[in-house]
C-alpha atoms as a PDB file:
ATOM      1  CA  UNK A   1      -0.113   0.060   0.047  1.00  0.00           C
ATOM      2  CA  UNK A   2       1.459   3.453  -1.036  1.00  0.00           C
ATOM      3  CA  UNK A   3       1.874   6.242   1.477  1.00  0.00           C
ATOM      4  CA  UNK A   4      -0.408   8.339  -0.787  1.00  0.00           C
ATOM      5  CA  UNK A   5      -3.505   5.877  -0.556  1.00  0.00           C
ATOM      6  CA  UNK A   6      -2.936   5.441   3.331  1.00  0.00           C
ATOM      7  CA  UNK A   7      -3.277   9.257   3.677  1.00  0.00           C
ATOM      8  CA  UNK A   8      -6.370   9.219   1.497  1.00  0.00           C
ATOM      9  CA  UNK A   9      -8.098   6.666   3.359  1.00  0.00           C
ATOM     10  CA  UNK A  10      -7.327   8.097   6.698  1.00  0.00           C
ATOM     11  CA  UNK A  11      -8.672  11.382   5.451  1.00  0.00           C
ATOM     12  CA  UNK A  12     -11.814   9.884   4.107  1.00  0.00           C
ATOM     13  CA  UNK A  13     -12.222   8.194   7.493  1.00  0.00           C
ATOM     14  CA  UNK A  14     -12.032  11.417   9.366  1.00  0.00           C
ATOM     15  CA  UNK A  15     -14.439  13.169   7.058  1.00  0.00           C
ATOM     16  CA  UNK A  16     -16.982  10.433   7.861  1.00  0.00           C
ATOM     17  CA  UNK A  17     -18.618  12.777  10.536  1.00  0.00           C
ATOM     18  CA  UNK A  18     -19.926  14.941   7.545  1.00  0.00           C
ATOM     19  CA  UNK A  19     -22.425  11.912   6.824  1.00  0.00           C
ATOM     20  CA  UNK A  20     -24.032  12.206  10.238  1.00  0.00           C
ATOM     21  CA  UNK A  21     -27.075  13.962   9.135  1.00  0.00           C
ATOM     22  CA  UNK A  22     -27.615  11.153   6.550  1.00  0.00           C
ATOM     23  CA  UNK A  23     -27.153   8.623   9.420  1.00  0.00           C
ATOM     24  CA  UNK A  24     -29.751  10.348  11.678  1.00  0.00           C
ATOM     25  CA  UNK A  25     -32.456   9.984   9.094  1.00  0.00           C
ATOM     26  CA  UNK A  26     -32.279   6.001   9.237  1.00  0.00           C
ATOM     27  CA  UNK A  27     -32.311   5.825  13.006  1.00  0.00           C
ATOM     28  CA  UNK A  28     -29.751   5.229  15.455  1.00  0.00           C
ATOM     29  CA  UNK A  29     -29.437   1.241  14.498  1.00  0.00           C
ATOM     30  CA  UNK A  30     -28.692   1.998  10.842  1.00  0.00           C
ATOM     31  CA  UNK A  31     -26.377   4.901  11.833  1.00  0.00           C
ATOM     32  CA  UNK A  32     -24.358   2.661  14.436  1.00  0.00           C
ATOM     33  CA  UNK A  33     -24.266  -0.182  11.859  1.00  0.00           C
ATOM     34  CA  UNK A  34     -23.019   2.046   9.117  1.00  0.00           C
ATOM     35  CA  UNK A  35     -20.302   3.463  11.371  1.00  0.00           C
ATOM     36  CA  UNK A  36     -19.140  -0.099  12.543  1.00  0.00           C
ATOM     37  CA  UNK A  37     -18.854  -1.146   8.724  1.00  0.00           C
ATOM     38  CA  UNK A  38     -17.192   1.843   7.928  1.00  0.00           C
ATOM     39  CA  UNK A  39     -14.573   1.505  10.673  1.00  0.00           C
ATOM     40  CA  UNK A  40     -14.404  -2.407   9.633  1.00  0.00           C
ATOM     41  CA  UNK A  41     -13.809  -1.409   6.015  1.00  0.00           C
ATOM     42  CA  UNK A  42     -11.193   1.096   6.816  1.00  0.00           C
ATOM     43  CA  UNK A  43      -9.173  -1.396   8.821  1.00  0.00           C
ATOM     44  CA  UNK A  44      -9.188  -3.805   5.849  1.00  0.00           C
ATOM     45  CA  UNK A  45      -8.349  -1.289   3.554  1.00  0.00           C
ATOM     46  CA  UNK A  46      -5.127  -0.410   5.512  1.00  0.00           C
ATOM     47  CA  UNK A  47      -4.257  -3.862   5.239  1.00  0.00           C
ATOM     48  CA  UNK A  48      -4.858  -3.815   1.487  1.00  0.00           C
ATOM     49  CA  UNK A  49      -7.596  -6.420   1.876  1.00  0.00           C
ATOM     50  CA  UNK A  50      -9.615  -4.788  -0.840  1.00  0.00           C
ATOM     51  CA  UNK A  51     -12.200  -7.642  -1.567  1.00  0.00           C
ATOM     52  CA  UNK A  52     -13.191  -7.410   2.209  1.00  0.00           C
ATOM     53  CA  UNK A  53     -12.725  -3.970   2.630  1.00  0.00           C
ATOM     54  CA  UNK A  54     -15.097  -3.435  -0.476  1.00  0.00           C
ATOM     55  CA  UNK A  55     -17.746  -5.564   1.005  1.00  0.00           C
ATOM     56  CA  UNK A  56     -17.874  -3.740   4.207  1.00  0.00           C
ATOM     57  CA  UNK A  57     -17.994  -0.427   2.500  1.00  0.00           C
ATOM     58  CA  UNK A  58     -20.748  -1.653   0.173  1.00  0.00           C
ATOM     59  CA  UNK A  59     -22.815  -2.768   3.237  1.00  0.00           C
ATOM     60  CA  UNK A  60     -22.286   0.588   4.861  1.00  0.00           C
ATOM     61  CA  UNK A  61     -23.279   2.275   1.345  1.00  0.00           C
ATOM     62  CA  UNK A  62     -26.538   0.367   1.270  1.00  0.00           C
ATOM     63  CA  UNK A  63     -27.494   1.973   4.667  1.00  0.00           C
ATOM     64  CA  UNK A  64     -26.512   5.389   3.857  1.00  0.00           C
ATOM     65  CA  UNK A  65     -24.763   7.464   1.073  1.00  0.00           C
ATOM     66  CA  UNK A  66     -22.004   9.998   1.632  1.00  0.00           C
ATOM     67  CA  UNK A  67     -19.116  11.211  -0.284  1.00  0.00           C
ATOM     68  CA  UNK A  68     -16.569   9.624   2.074  1.00  0.00           C
ATOM     69  CA  UNK A  69     -18.124   6.201   1.653  1.00  0.00           C
ATOM     70  CA  UNK A  70     -18.179   6.595  -2.047  1.00  0.00           C
ATOM     71  CA  UNK A  71     -14.468   7.596  -2.208  1.00  0.00           C
ATOM     72  CA  UNK A  72     -13.499   4.484  -0.244  1.00  0.00           C
ATOM     73  CA  UNK A  73     -15.810   2.038  -1.815  1.00  0.00           C
ATOM     74  CA  UNK A  74     -14.702   3.420  -5.423  1.00  0.00           C
ATOM     75  CA  UNK A  75     -11.040   3.122  -4.408  1.00  0.00           C
ATOM     76  CA  UNK A  76     -11.540  -0.453  -3.335  1.00  0.00           C
ATOM     77  CA  UNK A  77     -13.507  -1.364  -6.562  1.00  0.00           C
ATOM     78  CA  UNK A  78     -10.885   0.281  -8.691  1.00  0.00           C
ATOM     79  CA  UNK A  79      -8.353  -2.107  -6.978  1.00  0.00           C
ATOM     80  CA  UNK A  80     -10.169  -5.332  -7.689  1.00  0.00           C
ATOM     81  CA  UNK A  81     -11.000  -4.380 -11.113  1.00  0.00           C
ATOM     82  CA  UNK A  82     -14.703  -3.204 -10.855  1.00  0.00           C
ATOM     83  CA  UNK A  83     -13.893  -0.294 -13.024  1.00  0.00           C
ATOM     84  CA  UNK A  84     -17.687   0.654 -13.819  1.00  0.00           C
ATOM     85  CA  UNK A  85     -18.629   0.562 -10.209  1.00  0.00           C
ATOM     86  CA  UNK A  86     -15.466   2.599  -9.241  1.00  0.00           C
ATOM     87  CA  UNK A  87     -16.333   5.072 -12.095  1.00  0.00           C
ATOM     88  CA  UNK A  88     -19.761   5.572 -10.536  1.00  0.00           C
ATOM     89  CA  UNK A  89     -18.717   5.824  -6.631  1.00  0.00           C
ATOM     90  CA  UNK A  90     -15.796   7.951  -7.433  1.00  0.00           C
ATOM     91  CA  UNK A  91     -17.820  10.386  -9.631  1.00  0.00           C
ATOM     92  CA  UNK A  92     -20.367  10.569  -6.673  1.00  0.00           C
ATOM     93  CA  UNK A  93     -17.596  11.408  -4.401  1.00  0.00           C
ATOM     94  CA  UNK A  94     -16.151  14.252  -6.476  1.00  0.00           C
ATOM     95  CA  UNK A  95     -19.589  15.565  -7.068  1.00  0.00           C
ATOM     96  CA  UNK A  96     -20.661  15.586  -3.314  1.00  0.00           C
ATOM     97  CA  UNK A  97     -17.371  16.416  -2.126  1.00  0.00           C
ATOM     98  CA  UNK A  98     -17.760  19.421   0.672  1.00  0.00           C
ATOM     99  CA  UNK A  99     -16.859  22.892  -0.068  1.00  0.00           C
ATOM    100  CA  UNK A 100     -14.972  22.989   3.248  1.00  0.00           C
ATOM    101  CA  UNK A 101     -13.003  19.666   2.379  1.00  0.00           C
ATOM    102  CA  UNK A 102      -9.152  19.926   1.985  1.00  0.00           C
ATOM    103  CA  UNK A 103      -8.080  20.852  -1.449  1.00  0.00           C
ATOM    104  CA  UNK A 104      -5.313  18.258  -1.427  1.00  0.00           C
ATOM    105  CA  UNK A 105      -7.778  15.542  -0.589  1.00  0.00           C
ATOM    106  CA  UNK A 106     -10.182  16.541  -3.475  1.00  0.00           C
ATOM    107  CA  UNK A 107      -7.106  16.585  -5.833  1.00  0.00           C
ATOM    108  CA  UNK A 108      -6.271  13.020  -4.844  1.00  0.00           C
ATOM    109  CA  UNK A 109      -9.959  11.946  -5.340  1.00  0.00           C
ATOM    110  CA  UNK A 110      -9.873  13.569  -8.752  1.00  0.00           C
ATOM    111  CA  UNK A 111      -6.926  11.508  -9.749  1.00  0.00           C
ATOM    112  CA  UNK A 112      -8.589   8.298  -8.552  1.00  0.00           C
ATOM    113  CA  UNK A 113     -11.682   9.149 -10.438  1.00  0.00           C
ATOM    114  CA  UNK A 114      -9.694   9.811 -13.671  1.00  0.00           C
ATOM    115  CA  UNK A 115      -8.088   6.601 -13.311  1.00  0.00           C
ATOM    116  CA  UNK A 116     -11.345   4.750 -13.217  1.00  0.00           C
ATOM    117  CA  UNK A 117     -12.801   6.757 -15.825  1.00  0.00           C
ATOM    118  CA  UNK A 118     -10.038   5.877 -18.429  1.00  0.00           C
ATOM    119  CA  UNK A 119     -10.893   2.450 -17.930  1.00  0.00           C
ATOM    120  CA  UNK A 120     -14.818   2.487 -18.925  1.00  0.00           C
ATOM    121  CA  UNK A 121     -16.831   4.200 -21.456  1.00  0.00           C
ATOM    122  CA  UNK A 122     -19.696   6.789 -20.592  1.00  0.00           C
ATOM    123  CA  UNK A 123     -23.086   7.313 -22.168  1.00  0.00           C
ATOM    124  CA  UNK A 124     -25.006  10.403 -22.315  1.00  0.00           C
ATOM    125  CA  UNK A 125     -28.513   9.167 -22.335  1.00  0.00           C
ATOM    126  CA  UNK A 126     -30.999  12.022 -23.629  1.00  0.00           C
ATOM    127  CA  UNK A 127     -34.796  11.566 -23.900  1.00  0.00           C
ATOM    128  CA  UNK A 128     -37.620  13.424 -25.154  1.00  0.00           C
ATOM    129  CA  UNK A 129     -39.902  12.515 -22.235  1.00  0.00           C
ATOM    130  CA  UNK A 130     -39.297  13.201 -18.625  1.00  0.00           C
ATOM    131  CA  UNK A 131     -40.191  10.486 -16.118  1.00  0.00           C
ATOM    132  CA  UNK A 132     -39.202   7.623 -18.558  1.00  0.00           C
ATOM    133  CA  UNK A 133     -37.219   4.599 -16.745  1.00  0.00           C
ATOM    134  CA  UNK A 134     -33.765   3.838 -18.293  1.00  0.00           C
ATOM    135  CA  UNK A 135     -32.141   0.488 -18.400  1.00  0.00           C
ATOM    136  CA  UNK A 136     -28.703  -0.425 -19.609  1.00  0.00           C
ATOM    137  CA  UNK A 137     -28.505  -4.203 -20.246  1.00  0.00           C
ATOM    138  CA  UNK A 138     -31.564  -4.828 -18.172  1.00  0.00           C
ATOM    139  CA  UNK A 139     -30.113  -2.828 -15.199  1.00  0.00           C
ATOM    140  CA  UNK A 140     -31.925   0.215 -13.973  1.00  0.00           C
ATOM    141  CA  UNK A 141     -29.860   3.400 -13.994  1.00  0.00           C
ATOM    142  CA  UNK A 142     -32.174   6.050 -13.233  1.00  0.00           C
ATOM    143  CA  UNK A 143     -35.282   8.156 -14.638  1.00  0.00           C
ATOM    144  CA  UNK A 144     -35.269  10.669 -17.363  1.00  0.00           C
ATOM    145  CA  UNK A 145     -33.682  13.385 -17.389  1.00  0.00           C
ATOM    146  CA  UNK A 146     -30.342  11.770 -16.488  1.00  0.00           C
ATOM    147  CA  UNK A 147     -28.079  14.414 -15.244  1.00  0.00           C
ATOM    148  CA  UNK A 148     -25.024  12.363 -15.090  1.00  0.00           C
ATOM    149  CA  UNK A 149     -23.188  10.162 -17.474  1.00  0.00           C
ATOM    150  CA  UNK A 150     -23.919   6.386 -17.332  1.00  0.00           C
ATOM    151  CA  UNK A 151     -20.638   4.389 -16.921  1.00  0.00           C
ATOM    152  CA  UNK A 152     -20.222   1.098 -18.729  1.00  0.00           C
ATOM    153  CA  UNK A 153     -17.662  -1.483 -19.479  1.00  0.00           C
ATOM    154  CA  UNK A 154     -16.129  -1.002 -22.781  1.00  0.00           C
ATOM    155  CA  UNK A 155     -18.123  -2.903 -25.563  1.00  0.00           C
ATOM    156  CA  UNK A 156     -21.527  -3.176 -26.856  1.00  0.00           C
ATOM    157  CA  UNK A 157     -24.564  -2.394 -24.835  1.00  0.00           C
ATOM    158  CA  UNK A 158     -28.553  -2.052 -24.997  1.00  0.00           C
ATOM    159  CA  UNK A 159     -30.132   0.843 -23.775  1.00  0.00           C
ATOM    160  CA  UNK A 160     -34.002   0.544 -22.934  1.00  0.00           C
ATOM    161  CA  UNK A 161     -36.418   3.513 -22.316  1.00  0.00           C
ATOM    162  CA  UNK A 162     -39.804   2.672 -21.135  1.00  0.00           C
ATOM    163  CA  UNK A 163     -42.943   4.755 -19.674  1.00  0.00           C
ATOM    164  CA  UNK A 164     -46.529   3.873 -19.502  1.00  0.00           C
ATOM    165  CA  UNK A 165     -48.392   4.825 -22.729  1.00  0.00           C
ATOM    166  CA  UNK A 166     -45.191   4.986 -24.875  1.00  0.00           C
ATOM    167  CA  UNK A 167     -43.627   2.286 -26.909  1.00  0.00           C
ATOM    168  CA  UNK A 168     -40.591   0.996 -25.217  1.00  0.00           C
ATOM    169  CA  UNK A 169     -37.529   1.825 -27.061  1.00  0.00           C
ATOM    170  CA  UNK A 170     -34.077  -0.091 -27.346  1.00  0.00           C
ATOM    171  CA  UNK A 171     -30.983   1.198 -28.805  1.00  0.00           C
ATOM    172  CA  UNK A 172     -27.714  -0.829 -29.311  1.00  0.00           C
ATOM    173  CA  UNK A 173     -24.530   1.195 -28.830  1.00  0.00           C
ATOM    174  CA  UNK A 174     -20.858   0.390 -28.474  1.00  0.00           C
ATOM    175  CA  UNK A 175     -18.309   2.533 -26.594  1.00  0.00           C
ATOM    176  CA  UNK A 176     -14.660   2.263 -26.409  1.00  0.00           C
ATOM    177  CA  UNK A 177     -12.571   2.432 -23.183  1.00  0.00           C
ATOM    178  CA  UNK A 178     -12.195   5.989 -22.106  1.00  0.00           C
ATOM    179  CA  UNK A 179     -14.651   7.131 -24.736  1.00  0.00           C
ATOM    180  CA  UNK A 180     -18.111   8.629 -24.541  1.00  0.00           C
ATOM    181  CA  UNK A 181     -21.233   8.562 -26.615  1.00  0.00           C
ATOM    182  CA  UNK A 182     -24.461  10.584 -27.014  1.00  0.00           C
ATOM    183  CA  UNK A 183     -27.555   8.401 -26.982  1.00  0.00           C
ATOM    184  CA  UNK A 184     -30.580  10.238 -28.020  1.00  0.00           C
ATOM    185  CA  UNK A 185     -33.749   8.202 -27.638  1.00  0.00           C
ATOM    186  CA  UNK A 186     -37.389   9.509 -28.919  1.00  0.00           C
ATOM    187  CA  UNK A 187     -40.119   7.790 -27.247  1.00  0.00           C
ATOM    188  CA  UNK A 188     -43.455   7.784 -29.261  1.00  0.00           C
ATOM    189  CA  UNK A 189     -46.851   7.281 -27.807  1.00  0.00           C
ATOM    190  CA  UNK A 190     -48.815   3.878 -28.893  1.00  0.00           C
ATOM    191  CA  UNK A 191     -50.975   4.417 -31.810  1.00  0.00           C
ATOM    192  CA  UNK A 192     -54.639   4.861 -30.705  1.00  0.00           C
ATOM    193  CA  UNK A 193     -56.837   1.858 -31.836  1.00  0.00           C
ATOM    194  CA  UNK A 194     -58.372  -1.354 -30.666  1.00  0.00           C
ATOM    195  CA  UNK A 195     -56.522  -3.952 -28.683  1.00  0.00           C
ATOM    196  CA  UNK A 196     -57.341  -6.686 -31.100  1.00  0.00           C
ATOM    197  CA  UNK A 197     -60.424  -9.168 -30.904  1.00  0.00           C
ATOM    198  CA  UNK A 198     -62.204  -9.460 -27.595  1.00  0.00           C
ATOM    199  CA  UNK A 199     -61.683 -13.109 -26.542  1.00  0.00           C
ATOM    200  CA  UNK A 200     -65.310 -13.000 -24.957  1.00  0.00           C
ATOM    201  CA  UNK A 201     -66.761 -12.110 -28.472  1.00  0.00           C
ATOM    202  CA  UNK A 202     -64.837 -15.010 -30.114  1.00  0.00           C
ATOM    203  CA  UNK A 203     -65.878 -17.503 -27.411  1.00  0.00           C
ATOM    204  CA  UNK A 204     -69.397 -16.438 -27.576  1.00  0.00           C
ATOM    205  CA  UNK A 205     -69.406 -16.545 -31.460  1.00  0.00           C
ATOM    206  CA  UNK A 206     -67.936 -19.934 -31.434  1.00  0.00           C
ATOM    207  CA  UNK A 207     -70.418 -21.336 -28.877  1.00  0.00           C
ATOM    208  CA  UNK A 208     -73.523 -19.804 -30.959  1.00  0.00           C
ATOM    209  CA  UNK A 209     -72.068 -21.255 -34.117  1.00  0.00           C
ATOM    210  CA  UNK A 210     -71.720 -24.605 -32.422  1.00  0.00           C
ATOM    211  CA  UNK A 211     -75.160 -24.826 -30.893  1.00  0.00           C
ATOM    212  CA  UNK A 212     -76.644 -23.689 -34.350  1.00  0.00           C
ATOM    213  CA  UNK A 213     -74.909 -26.537 -36.248  1.00  0.00           C
ATOM    214  CA  UNK A 214     -75.916 -29.219 -33.646  1.00  0.00           C
ATOM    215  CA  UNK A 215     -79.557 -27.981 -33.253  1.00  0.00           C
ATOM    216  CA  UNK A 216     -79.926 -27.712 -37.152  1.00  0.00           C
ATOM    217  CA  UNK A 217     -78.475 -31.288 -37.464  1.00  0.00           C
ATOM    218  CA  UNK A 218     -80.913 -32.652 -35.091  1.00  0.00           C
ATOM    219  CA  UNK A 219     -83.853 -30.750 -36.769  1.00  0.00           C
ATOM    220  CA  UNK A 220     -82.756 -32.271 -40.115  1.00  0.00           C
ATOM    221  CA  UNK A 221     -82.680 -35.713 -38.741  1.00  0.00           C
ATOM    222  CA  UNK A 222     -86.047 -35.479 -36.986  1.00  0.00           C
ATOM    223  CA  UNK A 223     -87.364 -33.988 -40.326  1.00  0.00           C
ATOM    224  CA  UNK A 224     -85.990 -37.131 -42.003  1.00  0.00           C
ATOM    225  CA  UNK A 225     -87.630 -39.442 -39.572  1.00  0.00           C
ATOM    226  CA  UNK A 226     -90.837 -37.631 -40.180  1.00  0.00           C
ATOM    227  CA  UNK A 227     -90.805 -38.219 -43.759  1.00  0.00           C
ATOM    228  CA  UNK A 228     -89.736 -41.911 -43.154  1.00  0.00           C
ATOM    229  CA  UNK A 229     -92.726 -42.223 -40.866  1.00  0.00           C
ATOM    230  CA  UNK A 230     -95.101 -40.708 -43.611  1.00  0.00           C
ATOM    231  CA  UNK A 231     -93.734 -42.966 -46.457  1.00  0.00           C
ATOM    232  CA  UNK A 232     -94.191 -46.091 -44.092  1.00  0.00           C
ATOM    233  CA  UNK A 233     -97.681 -45.096 -43.296  1.00  0.00           C
ATOM    234  CA  UNK A 234     -98.444 -44.498 -46.885  1.00  0.00           C
ATOM    235  CA  UNK A 235     -97.319 -47.893 -47.970  1.00  0.00           C
ATOM    236  CA  UNK A 236    -100.171 -49.399 -45.892  1.00  0.00           C
ATOM    237  CA  UNK A 237    -102.785 -47.713 -48.079  1.00  0.00           C
ATOM    238  CA  UNK A 238    -104.325 -49.377 -51.139  1.00  0.00           C
ATOM    239  CA  UNK A 239    -102.349 -48.902 -54.208  1.00  0.00           C
ATOM    240  CA  UNK A 240    -103.008 -45.984 -56.482  1.00  0.00           C
ATOM    241  CA  UNK A 241    -106.026 -46.568 -58.879  1.00  0.00           C
ATOM    242  CA  UNK A 242    -108.041 -48.006 -55.890  1.00  0.00           C
ATOM    243  CA  UNK A 243    -111.369 -46.173 -55.359  1.00  0.00           C
ATOM    244  CA  UNK A 244    -111.016 -43.470 -52.627  1.00  0.00           C
ATOM    245  CA  UNK A 245    -108.103 -44.969 -50.431  1.00  0.00           C
ATOM    246  CA  UNK A 246    -108.462 -42.307 -48.058  1.00  0.00           C
ATOM    247  CA  UNK A 247    -112.270 -42.428 -47.577  1.00  0.00           C
ATOM    248  CA  UNK A 248    -112.157 -45.905 -46.111  1.00  0.00           C
ATOM    249  CA  UNK A 249    -108.906 -44.959 -43.909  1.00  0.00           C
ATOM    250  CA  UNK A 250    -109.370 -41.010 -43.257  1.00  0.00           C
ATOM    251  CA  UNK A 251    -107.256 -41.284 -39.931  1.00  0.00           C
ATOM    252  CA  UNK A 252    -104.289 -42.956 -41.714  1.00  0.00           C
ATOM    253  CA  UNK A 253    -104.302 -40.192 -44.355  1.00  0.00           C
ATOM    254  CA  UNK A 254    -104.521 -37.472 -41.611  1.00  0.00           C
ATOM    255  CA  UNK A 255    -101.602 -39.019 -39.910  1.00  0.00           C
ATOM    256  CA  UNK A 256     -99.652 -39.223 -43.073  1.00  0.00           C
ATOM    257  CA  UNK A 257    -100.679 -35.367 -43.843  1.00  0.00           C
ATOM    258  CA  UNK A 258     -99.367 -34.566 -40.356  1.00  0.00           C
ATOM    259  CA  UNK A 259     -95.801 -36.156 -40.649  1.00  0.00           C
ATOM    260  CA  UNK A 260     -95.224 -34.418 -43.880  1.00  0.00           C
ATOM    261  CA  UNK A 261     -96.291 -30.858 -42.525  1.00  0.00           C
ATOM    262  CA  UNK A 262     -93.976 -31.748 -39.544  1.00  0.00           C
ATOM    263  CA  UNK A 263     -91.230 -32.887 -41.849  1.00  0.00           C
ATOM    264  CA  UNK A 264     -91.671 -29.491 -43.923  1.00  0.00           C
ATOM    265  CA  UNK A 265     -91.624 -27.254 -40.597  1.00  0.00           C
ATOM    266  CA  UNK A 266     -88.486 -29.177 -39.230  1.00  0.00           C
ATOM    267  CA  UNK A 267     -86.796 -28.786 -42.542  1.00  0.00           C
ATOM    268  CA  UNK A 268     -87.361 -25.166 -42.769  1.00  0.00           C
ATOM    269  CA  UNK A 269     -86.490 -24.691 -39.158  1.00  0.00           C
ATOM    270  CA  UNK A 270     -83.098 -26.632 -39.783  1.00  0.00           C
ATOM    271  CA  UNK A 271     -82.372 -24.625 -42.740  1.00  0.00           C
ATOM    272  CA  UNK A 272     -82.969 -21.401 -40.952  1.00  0.00           C
ATOM    273  CA  UNK A 273     -80.557 -22.694 -37.825  1.00  0.00           C
ATOM    274  CA  UNK A 274     -77.903 -23.491 -40.338  1.00  0.00           C
ATOM    275  CA  UNK A 275     -78.165 -20.221 -42.018  1.00  0.00           C
ATOM    276  CA  UNK A 276     -78.028 -18.084 -38.753  1.00  0.00           C
ATOM    277  CA  UNK A 277     -75.166 -20.264 -37.269  1.00  0.00           C
ATOM    278  CA  UNK A 278     -73.202 -19.875 -40.557  1.00  0.00           C
ATOM    279  CA  UNK A 279     -73.661 -16.219 -40.520  1.00  0.00           C
ATOM    280  CA  UNK A 280     -72.477 -16.005 -36.757  1.00  0.00           C
ATOM    281  CA  UNK A 281     -69.657 -18.200 -37.574  1.00  0.00           C
ATOM    282  CA  UNK A 282     -68.566 -16.073 -40.507  1.00  0.00           C
ATOM    283  CA  UNK A 283     -69.091 -12.862 -38.470  1.00  0.00           C
ATOM    284  CA  UNK A 284     -66.949 -14.245 -35.652  1.00  0.00           C
ATOM    285  CA  UNK A 285     -64.144 -15.341 -38.192  1.00  0.00           C
ATOM    286  CA  UNK A 286     -64.266 -11.869 -39.825  1.00  0.00           C
ATOM    287  CA  UNK A 287     -64.081 -10.345 -36.385  1.00  0.00           C
ATOM    288  CA  UNK A 288     -61.141 -12.477 -35.368  1.00  0.00           C
ATOM    289  CA  UNK A 289     -59.395 -11.578 -38.437  1.00  0.00           C
ATOM    290  CA  UNK A 290     -60.049  -7.942 -39.064  1.00  0.00           C
ATOM    291  CA  UNK A 291     -60.629  -6.452 -35.570  1.00  0.00           C
ATOM    292  CA  UNK A 292     -58.837  -3.271 -35.076  1.00  0.00           C
ATOM    293  CA  UNK A 293     -55.330  -3.880 -33.365  1.00  0.00           C
ATOM    294  CA  UNK A 294     -53.106  -1.339 -31.899  1.00  0.00           C
ATOM    295  CA  UNK A 295     -50.064  -1.154 -34.257  1.00  0.00           C
ATOM    296  CA  UNK A 296     -46.828  -0.323 -32.555  1.00  0.00           C
ATOM    297  CA  UNK A 297     -45.500   2.850 -33.832  1.00  0.00           C
ATOM    298  CA  UNK A 298     -42.025   2.663 -35.316  1.00  0.00           C
ATOM    299  CA  UNK A 299     -41.312   6.166 -34.220  1.00  0.00           C
ATOM    300  CA  UNK A 300     -38.125   6.018 -36.415  1.00  0.00           C
ATOM    301  CA  UNK A 301     -36.020   9.226 -36.147  1.00  0.00           C
ATOM    302  CA  UNK A 302     -32.579  10.214 -37.349  1.00  0.00           C
ATOM    303  CA  UNK A 303     -30.698  11.994 -34.421  1.00  0.00           C
ATOM    304  CA  UNK A 304     -27.269  13.270 -34.115  1.00  0.00           C
ATOM    305  CA  UNK A 305     -24.810  11.278 -32.147  1.00  0.00           C
ATOM    306  CA  UNK A 306     -21.666  12.940 -30.933  1.00  0.00           C
ATOM    307  CA  UNK A 307     -18.675  11.178 -28.923  1.00  0.00           C
ATOM    308  CA  UNK A 308     -15.193  11.316 -28.409  1.00  0.00           C
ATOM    309  CA  UNK A 309     -14.552   8.811 -31.251  1.00  0.00           C
ATOM    310  CA  UNK A 310     -16.365  10.967 -33.744  1.00  0.00           C
ATOM    311  CA  UNK A 311     -19.618  12.280 -34.918  1.00  0.00           C
ATOM    312  CA  UNK A 312     -22.529  10.623 -36.963  1.00  0.00           C
ATOM    313  CA  UNK A 313     -26.138   9.843 -36.884  1.00  0.00           C
ATOM    314  CA  UNK A 314     -28.270   7.208 -35.095  1.00  0.00           C
ATOM    315  CA  UNK A 315     -31.606   5.879 -36.126  1.00  0.00           C
ATOM    316  CA  UNK A 316     -33.666   5.267 -32.933  1.00  0.00           C
ATOM    317  CA  UNK A 317     -37.319   4.041 -32.369  1.00  0.00           C
ATOM    318  CA  UNK A 318     -38.932   0.730 -32.045  1.00  0.00           C
ATOM    319  CA  UNK A 319     -39.212  -2.105 -34.754  1.00  0.00           C
END
C-alpha cells in the first residue's frame, strides 16, 4: 500500500463525520451499523484486503450515502477491477465533495476518478420525455432526465427506455474504453386503436355457431324421420287406382299429412338454424381476423450522435 493511498483513506475516514445527518435519518440502529461497517472497511483497507474492505464499505453504502463512503468504496472497487462501479462511486464522491474539504484531498480523489474513468465508457442518455425509466443491459440506471453520465464497461450495450403509454425503445450502442457517446432516444406514444379481438366475443360467437350446427343437425334428422314415417304409413294404403283409399282410412291419411307437414316445418327450421349459425360463424371469423389492433409505432428518427470517437447519426425508435 502506498503512502498516498494510506493518507487518502485516513482523510476519508476522518471526513465520515460529515455523513452524520444522513445517518440520523435512518435511525440510530442504521447509523451505528453503518459506522461499524465503515470502521471495519477502513481497517481492512489499511491491510490492503481490498475485497473484504469493498464488501464492508458496500454494506455501509447500502445503509447511507455520503461522499467519504463513495470515495473509499470506489477506491476498493478500482483495486479489484470493478471499474464501472468504481467510476460511479468516485464520480459521486467528487460531485458531493464538501466545499469545506481539503483541496489536497479533493485533488487525490479527482485523480482516482480519472483513473477509473479511463478504463470505462460513458453514455450520455438523452430522452424527449421526462419520467421515463432507463435501463442499460437490463439494469436500472435512473429516470429521465439523467443529469449524469452512465458508466459502462467497454463494448456493446443495450439501452432501453420505457414509460406507460409510450412504446418501449431499445437502442444498441458500442463505446470504447475511455470514450463517451451521446445516446438520444425518442419515445413515441402508442397508436390509438383497438386492442385486437375481444376473447369473450370470439368465444360467444364460437358457442353460438356450435349450438346452431348441432340444433340444425338434430332438426334435419327429426325431419328425415318424419318423412320416413309418412312414407311407411302411406305404404299401408291401397295401391294407386283403388277407389277412394283415404275415404276408407281417413285417420291414416290424416297421420300421413301431419307427418309431411312436420317434416316441412322441421326442414325449414333446420335450414334457418344452419343459415343463422353460418352467419354467426362467418361474422366471428371476420371479427377475429380484422378486428382493429393497436399497431406499434415505429417512431423512427434520425438523431445526431456525438462522442469522443467521432460524430454521426443514429436511427432510434422501435421496430
